[in-house]
Amino acid sequence: MKYFFICFLLFSAHQCIWGQTQQDSLAIKQAALDYIESQHTPNPPRMERALHPRMVKRTFWKDKSTGKDYLRETNTESMILLSESYNKNKDKFPASPKKEVKFLDISEKTASVKLIADEWIDYMHLAKLNDTWKIVNVLWQYNDTQRQTN
């Protein structure tokens, strides 16, 4: 019992010093949801709210003519423009789109989450800057990686 109590105190102290708050967890999840939901229903301000101005989004791609893999990259400005038009005709997502946010790691100022959407997976890094959580990196792929060719 004494050992359990000591472990509990050490764990509690560690969480108080280094852990995130419930508010942080909610803010991190909201940033990931803002990112995907601003594509479901076109909403550029919501996308902008989620992303750091220097965010970079990457994925692998295969060149059909050479068969070589390479990385494609996009930035915040492109994602904001995408959110304005991507699903304008309401034909890119099912009526009830999948959007599951899994926390992979959270520290005081950094976090990693996995967003599982309908056709793809996004791994996101977030940073807490001036008390606001922003997505700074995204690495994504289709569930069916054969779709990632040009």
C-alpha atoms as a PDB file:
ATOM      1  CA  MET A   1       0.000   0.000   0.000  1.00  0.00           C
ATOM      2  CA  LYS A   2       2.832   2.355   0.903  1.00  0.00           C
ATOM      3  CA  TYR A   3       4.519   1.634  -2.465  1.00  0.00           C
ATOM      4  CA  PHE A   4       1.260   2.318  -4.313  1.00  0.00           C
ATOM      5  CA  PHE A   5       0.818   5.645  -2.512  1.00  0.00           C
ATOM      6  CA  ILE A   6       4.377   6.754  -3.355  1.00  0.00           C
ATOM      7  CA  CYS A   7       3.902   5.796  -7.021  1.00  0.00           C
ATOM      8  CA  PHE A   8       0.600   7.638  -7.110  1.00  0.00           C
ATOM      9  CA  LEU A   9       2.182  10.802  -5.676  1.00  0.00           C
ATOM     10  CA  LEU A  10       5.083  10.661  -8.142  1.00  0.00           C
ATOM     11  CA  PHE A  11       2.733  10.109 -11.081  1.00  0.00           C
ATOM     12  CA  SER A  12       0.469  12.950  -9.939  1.00  0.00           C
ATOM     13  CA  ALA A  13       3.386  15.332  -9.505  1.00  0.00           C
ATOM     14  CA  HIS A  14       4.704  14.420 -12.958  1.00  0.00           C
ATOM     15  CA  GLN A  15       1.303  15.123 -14.533  1.00  0.00           C
ATOM     16  CA  CYS A  16       1.005  18.476 -12.765  1.00  0.00           C
ATOM     17  CA  ILE A  17       4.448  19.612 -13.866  1.00  0.00           C
ATOM     18  CA  TRP A  18       4.660  18.185 -17.392  1.00  0.00           C
ATOM     19  CA  GLY A  19       1.221  17.127 -18.515  1.00  0.00           C
ATOM     20  CA  GLN A  20      -1.346  18.944 -20.549  1.00  0.00           C
ATOM     21  CA  THR A  21      -4.627  20.119 -19.159  1.00  0.00           C
ATOM     22  CA  GLN A  22      -8.055  18.915 -20.203  1.00  0.00           C
ATOM     23  CA  GLN A  23      -8.391  22.283 -21.965  1.00  0.00           C
ATOM     24  CA  ASP A  24      -5.238  21.472 -23.972  1.00  0.00           C
ATOM     25  CA  SER A  25      -6.659  18.092 -24.998  1.00  0.00           C
ATOM     26  CA  LEU A  26      -9.879  19.729 -26.152  1.00  0.00           C
ATOM     27  CA  ALA A  27      -7.986  22.439 -28.063  1.00  0.00           C
ATOM     28  CA  ILE A  28      -5.756  19.875 -29.796  1.00  0.00           C
ATOM     29  CA  LYS A  29      -8.757  17.809 -30.844  1.00  0.00           C
ATOM     30  CA  GLN A  30     -10.562  20.952 -32.018  1.00  0.00           C
ATOM     31  CA  ALA A  31      -7.613  21.945 -34.235  1.00  0.00           C
ATOM     32  CA  ALA A  32      -7.687  18.511 -35.905  1.00  0.00           C
ATOM     33  CA  LEU A  33     -11.466  18.721 -36.340  1.00  0.00           C
ATOM     34  CA  ASP A  34     -11.244  22.273 -37.714  1.00  0.00           C
ATOM     35  CA  TYR A  35      -8.755  20.970 -40.289  1.00  0.00           C
ATOM     36  CA  ILE A  36     -11.024  18.179 -41.571  1.00  0.00           C
ATOM     37  CA  GLU A  37     -14.425  19.786 -41.044  1.00  0.00           C
ATOM     38  CA  SER A  38     -13.374  22.928 -42.914  1.00  0.00           C
ATOM     39  CA  GLN A  39     -13.017  20.615 -45.907  1.00  0.00           C
ATOM     40  CA  HIS A  40     -16.363  18.895 -45.317  1.00  0.00           C
ATOM     41  CA  THR A  41     -18.201  22.228 -45.320  1.00  0.00           C
ATOM     42  CA  PRO A  42     -16.085  24.863 -47.083  1.00  0.00           C
ATOM     43  CA  ASN A  43     -14.810  27.205 -44.389  1.00  0.00           C
ATOM     44  CA  PRO A  44     -11.436  28.903 -45.030  1.00  0.00           C
ATOM     45  CA  PRO A  45     -11.390  30.860 -41.721  1.00  0.00           C
ATOM     46  CA  ARG A  46     -11.790  27.600 -39.818  1.00  0.00           C
ATOM     47  CA  MET A  47      -8.896  26.001 -41.733  1.00  0.00           C
ATOM     48  CA  GLU A  48      -6.778  29.086 -41.090  1.00  0.00           C
ATOM     49  CA  ARG A  49      -7.602  28.881 -37.376  1.00  0.00           C
ATOM     50  CA  ALA A  50      -6.264  25.305 -37.247  1.00  0.00           C
ATOM     51  CA  LEU A  51      -2.999  25.819 -39.104  1.00  0.00           C
ATOM     52  CA  HIS A  52       0.219  27.569 -38.211  1.00  0.00           C
ATOM     53  CA  PRO A  53       1.140  30.026 -41.008  1.00  0.00           C
ATOM     54  CA  ARG A  54       4.243  27.920 -41.773  1.00  0.00           C
ATOM     55  CA  MET A  55       2.529  24.512 -41.701  1.00  0.00           C
ATOM     56  CA  VAL A  56       3.778  21.966 -44.211  1.00  0.00           C
ATOM     57  CA  LYS A  57       1.703  18.996 -45.374  1.00  0.00           C
ATOM     58  CA  ARG A  58       3.422  16.098 -47.113  1.00  0.00           C
ATOM     59  CA  THR A  59       2.589  12.769 -48.702  1.00  0.00           C
ATOM     60  CA  PHE A  60       4.407  10.245 -50.836  1.00  0.00           C
ATOM     61  CA  TRP A  61       3.446   9.859 -54.481  1.00  0.00           C
ATOM     62  CA  LYS A  62       4.539   7.561 -57.300  1.00  0.00           C
ATOM     63  CA  ASP A  63       5.363   8.877 -60.726  1.00  0.00           C
ATOM     64  CA  LYS A  64       3.664   6.568 -63.259  1.00  0.00           C
ATOM     65  CA  SER A  65       6.235   7.152 -65.979  1.00  0.00           C
ATOM     66  CA  THR A  66       9.334   6.454 -63.872  1.00  0.00           C
ATOM     67  CA  GLY A  67       7.851   4.312 -61.094  1.00  0.00           C
ATOM     68  CA  LYS A  68       9.787   6.357 -58.530  1.00  0.00           C
ATOM     69  CA  ASP A  69       8.357   7.529 -55.226  1.00  0.00           C
ATOM     70  CA  TYR A  70       8.663  11.155 -54.233  1.00  0.00           C
ATOM     71  CA  LEU A  71       7.228  13.547 -51.651  1.00  0.00           C
ATOM     72  CA  ARG A  72       4.522  16.048 -52.505  1.00  0.00           C
ATOM     73  CA  GLU A  73       4.263  19.097 -50.335  1.00  0.00           C
ATOM     74  CA  THR A  74       1.686  21.775 -49.697  1.00  0.00           C
ATOM     75  CA  ASN A  75       1.431  24.713 -47.328  1.00  0.00           C
ATOM     76  CA  THR A  76      -1.031  26.691 -45.235  1.00  0.00           C
ATOM     77  CA  GLU A  77      -2.065  29.048 -48.017  1.00  0.00           C
ATOM     78  CA  SER A  78      -2.869  26.131 -50.352  1.00  0.00           C
ATOM     79  CA  MET A  79      -4.887  24.368 -47.645  1.00  0.00           C
ATOM     80  CA  ILE A  80      -6.925  27.499 -46.972  1.00  0.00           C
ATOM     81  CA  LEU A  81      -7.672  27.799 -50.698  1.00  0.00           C
ATOM     82  CA  LEU A  82      -8.520  24.082 -50.831  1.00  0.00           C
ATOM     83  CA  SER A  83     -10.986  24.443 -47.960  1.00  0.00           C
ATOM     84  CA  GLU A  84     -12.781  27.123 -49.943  1.00  0.00           C
ATOM     85  CA  SER A  85     -13.589  24.899 -52.913  1.00  0.00           C
ATOM     86  CA  TYR A  86     -12.796  21.215 -52.294  1.00  0.00           C
ATOM     87  CA  ASN A  87     -16.290  20.095 -51.322  1.00  0.00           C
ATOM     88  CA  LYS A  88     -18.311  22.958 -52.776  1.00  0.00           C
ATOM     89  CA  ASN A  89     -20.533  20.502 -54.669  1.00  0.00           C
ATOM     90  CA  LYS A  90     -20.958  18.256 -51.598  1.00  0.00           C
ATOM     91  CA  ASP A  91     -19.575  15.268 -53.533  1.00  0.00           C
ATOM     92  CA  LYS A  92     -16.236  14.566 -51.823  1.00  0.00           C
ATOM     93  CA  PHE A  93     -17.454  13.051 -48.548  1.00  0.00           C
ATOM     94  CA  PRO A  94     -20.256  10.746 -47.417  1.00  0.00           C
ATOM     95  CA  ALA A  95     -23.310  12.249 -45.687  1.00  0.00           C
ATOM     96  CA  SER A  96     -21.795  11.372 -42.296  1.00  0.00           C
ATOM     97  CA  PRO A  97     -18.036  11.627 -42.789  1.00  0.00           C
ATOM     98  CA  LYS A  98     -15.645   9.678 -40.585  1.00  0.00           C
ATOM     99  CA  LYS A  99     -13.437  11.833 -38.363  1.00  0.00           C
ATOM    100  CA  GLU A 100     -11.659  10.072 -35.536  1.00  0.00           C
ATOM    101  CA  VAL A 101      -8.875  11.851 -33.644  1.00  0.00           C
ATOM    102  CA  LYS A 102      -6.425   9.624 -31.755  1.00  0.00           C
ATOM    103  CA  PHE A 103      -3.928  11.168 -29.374  1.00  0.00           C
ATOM    104  CA  LEU A 104      -0.477   9.665 -29.908  1.00  0.00           C
ATOM    105  CA  ASP A 105       1.532  11.885 -27.561  1.00  0.00           C
ATOM    106  CA  ILE A 106       0.983  15.141 -25.731  1.00  0.00           C
ATOM    107  CA  SER A 107       3.550  17.219 -23.912  1.00  0.00           C
ATOM    108  CA  GLU A 108       3.364  20.695 -22.462  1.00  0.00           C
ATOM    109  CA  LYS A 109       3.895  22.479 -25.794  1.00  0.00           C
ATOM    110  CA  THR A 110       3.826  19.738 -28.455  1.00  0.00           C
ATOM    111  CA  ALA A 111       1.417  17.008 -29.498  1.00  0.00           C
ATOM    112  CA  SER A 112       1.039  14.263 -32.091  1.00  0.00           C
ATOM    113  CA  VAL A 113      -2.357  13.032 -33.247  1.00  0.00           C
ATOM    114  CA  LYS A 114      -3.685  10.658 -35.864  1.00  0.00           C
ATOM    115  CA  LEU A 115      -6.763  11.759 -37.782  1.00  0.00           C
ATOM    116  CA  ILE A 116      -8.629   8.889 -39.400  1.00  0.00           C
ATOM    117  CA  ALA A 117     -10.951  10.211 -42.091  1.00  0.00           C
ATOM    118  CA  ASP A 118     -12.962   8.423 -44.762  1.00  0.00           C
ATOM    119  CA  GLU A 119     -10.307   7.752 -47.381  1.00  0.00           C
ATOM    120  CA  TRP A 120      -7.118   8.794 -45.678  1.00  0.00           C
ATOM    121  CA  ILE A 121      -5.017   9.034 -42.549  1.00  0.00           C
ATOM    122  CA  ASP A 122      -3.310  12.234 -41.395  1.00  0.00           C
ATOM    123  CA  TYR A 123      -0.528  12.249 -38.803  1.00  0.00           C
ATOM    124  CA  MET A 124      -0.300  15.717 -37.307  1.00  0.00           C
ATOM    125  CA  HIS A 125       2.205  17.543 -35.141  1.00  0.00           C
ATOM    126  CA  LEU A 126       0.860  20.484 -33.182  1.00  0.00           C
ATOM    127  CA  ALA A 127       2.595  23.177 -31.178  1.00  0.00           C
ATOM    128  CA  LYS A 128       1.220  25.396 -28.451  1.00  0.00           C
ATOM    129  CA  LEU A 129       2.247  28.935 -29.305  1.00  0.00           C
ATOM    130  CA  ASN A 130       0.934  31.906 -27.315  1.00  0.00           C
ATOM    131  CA  ASP A 131      -1.568  29.590 -25.578  1.00  0.00           C
ATOM    132  CA  THR A 132      -3.028  28.390 -28.902  1.00  0.00           C
ATOM    133  CA  TRP A 133      -2.606  24.930 -30.420  1.00  0.00           C
ATOM    134  CA  LYS A 134      -1.748  25.008 -34.138  1.00  0.00           C
ATOM    135  CA  ILE A 135      -1.007  22.246 -36.629  1.00  0.00           C
ATOM    136  CA  VAL A 136       2.585  22.646 -37.846  1.00  0.00           C
ATOM    137  CA  ASN A 137       3.150  19.381 -39.772  1.00  0.00           C
ATOM    138  CA  VAL A 138       0.899  16.891 -41.536  1.00  0.00           C
ATOM    139  CA  LEU A 139       1.973  13.593 -43.087  1.00  0.00           C
ATOM    140  CA  TRP A 140      -0.886  11.827 -44.846  1.00  0.00           C
ATOM    141  CA  GLN A 141      -1.724   8.901 -47.064  1.00  0.00           C
ATOM    142  CA  TYR A 142      -4.772   7.327 -48.674  1.00  0.00           C
ATOM    143  CA  ASN A 143      -5.996   4.134 -47.032  1.00  0.00           C
ATOM    144  CA  ASP A 144      -5.508   2.611 -50.493  1.00  0.00           C
ATOM    145  CA  THR A 145      -1.959   3.713 -51.307  1.00  0.00           C
ATOM    146  CA  GLN A 146      -2.397   2.599 -54.935  1.00  0.00           C
ATOM    147  CA  ARG A 147      -4.328   5.849 -55.422  1.00  0.00           C
ATOM    148  CA  GLN A 148      -1.178   7.881 -54.832  1.00  0.00           C
ATOM    149  CA  THR A 149       0.143   7.934 -58.382  1.00  0.00           C
ATOM    150  CA  ASN A 150       0.186  10.505 -61.156  1.00  0.00           C
END
